[in-house]
Amino acid sequence: MRGHRDCLVVWKLDRLARSLKQLIETVERLGEQAIGFRSLTERIDTTTAGGKLTVHLFGVLAEFARGIIRERTLAAHRCGLGESAGLLWAF
């Protein structure tokens, strides 16, 4: 079939990978096998140069957001432990 191309479609970018490294590796592996990638929510299509750029940008932002959540969770945990030990933490 002429013009036919395989494509992996996901609802949201974070459903494909949990880290930037995993996202990039997966998209590259798909590309090596002539398989495109599309995310419906973010409207990303890696069969275009703009789509490839966008997937990298969203991946970086998603990893940043996970890092912030992790930092806040650890800070809250430390704060809670400090109070139970009779210590007060200031942030």
Protein backbone atom coordinates (compact mmCIF):
# COMPACT_ATOMS: atom_id res chain seq x y z
CA MET A 1 0.00 0.00 0.00
CA ARG A 2 1.62 3.24 -1.13
CA GLY A 3 2.00 6.01 1.46
CA HIS A 4 1.11 3.64 4.31
CA ARG A 5 3.21 4.01 7.44
CA ASP A 6 3.02 2.26 10.78
CA CYS A 7 2.49 4.52 13.76
CA LEU A 8 2.28 4.00 17.51
CA VAL A 9 -0.53 6.14 18.95
CA VAL A 10 -0.87 6.97 22.66
CA TRP A 11 -3.41 9.12 24.47
CA LYS A 12 -0.81 11.07 26.45
CA LEU A 13 2.98 11.39 26.22
CA ASP A 14 3.61 10.15 29.75
CA ARG A 15 1.93 6.84 28.84
CA LEU A 16 4.89 5.99 26.60
CA ALA A 17 7.81 6.60 28.97
CA ARG A 18 8.62 7.47 32.57
CA SER A 19 11.89 9.33 31.90
CA LEU A 20 13.38 11.53 29.20
CA LYS A 21 15.99 8.89 28.44
CA GLN A 22 13.33 6.20 27.99
CA LEU A 23 11.19 8.51 25.86
CA ILE A 24 14.03 9.40 23.50
CA GLU A 25 15.23 5.80 23.24
CA THR A 26 11.72 4.56 22.47
CA VAL A 27 11.03 7.21 19.83
CA GLU A 28 14.45 6.54 18.24
CA ARG A 29 13.82 2.76 18.19
CA LEU A 30 10.45 3.34 16.57
CA GLY A 31 12.07 5.62 13.98
CA GLU A 32 14.75 3.02 13.16
CA GLN A 33 11.94 0.60 12.34
CA ALA A 34 10.14 3.23 10.22
CA ILE A 35 7.37 3.53 12.83
CA GLY A 36 6.02 6.97 13.63
CA PHE A 37 4.77 8.10 17.02
CA ARG A 38 1.72 10.20 17.78
CA SER A 39 0.36 11.50 21.04
CA LEU A 40 -3.27 12.51 20.78
CA THR A 41 -3.45 14.82 23.81
CA GLU A 42 -0.31 16.83 22.97
CA ARG A 43 -0.87 16.55 19.19
CA ILE A 44 2.65 15.31 18.55
CA ASP A 45 3.60 13.56 15.32
CA THR A 46 7.22 12.42 15.05
CA THR A 47 6.95 11.90 11.32
CA THR A 48 7.65 15.65 11.05
CA ALA A 49 10.71 17.65 12.18
CA GLY A 50 8.49 19.87 14.35
CA GLY A 51 6.97 16.80 15.96
CA LYS A 52 10.40 15.43 16.83
CA LEU A 53 11.34 18.73 18.45
CA THR A 54 8.07 18.85 20.36
CA VAL A 55 8.44 15.33 21.78
CA HIS A 56 11.87 16.26 23.16
CA LEU A 57 10.55 19.48 24.71
CA PHE A 58 7.56 17.74 26.33
CA GLY A 59 9.85 15.01 27.60
CA VAL A 60 12.14 17.54 29.30
CA LEU A 61 9.18 19.32 30.88
CA ALA A 62 7.66 16.06 32.13
CA GLU A 63 10.95 15.00 33.70
CA PHE A 64 11.28 18.43 35.35
CA ALA A 65 7.76 18.17 36.80
CA ARG A 66 8.49 14.71 38.22
CA GLY A 67 11.69 16.08 39.80
CA ILE A 68 9.82 18.94 41.46
CA ILE A 69 7.21 16.53 42.84
CA ARG A 70 9.96 14.26 44.16
CA GLU A 71 11.75 17.20 45.83
CA ARG A 72 8.56 18.46 47.46
CA THR A 73 7.64 14.98 48.67
CA LEU A 74 11.08 14.48 50.21
CA ALA A 75 10.97 17.92 51.84
CA ALA A 76 7.55 17.24 53.32
CA HIS A 77 8.70 13.84 54.54
CA ARG A 78 11.79 15.36 56.18
CA CYS A 79 9.67 18.06 57.74
CA GLY A 80 7.27 15.50 59.16
CA LEU A 81 10.12 13.40 60.54
CA GLY A 82 11.72 16.47 62.08
CA GLU A 83 8.56 17.43 63.93
CA SER A 84 8.13 13.93 65.34
CA ALA A 85 11.72 14.03 66.58
CA GLY A 86 11.18 17.42 68.25
CA LEU A 87 12.92 19.36 65.47
CA LEU A 88 11.42 22.10 63.33
CA TRP A 89 12.52 22.57 59.75
CA ALA A 90 12.18 25.85 57.86
CA PHE A 91 11.95 25.99 54.08
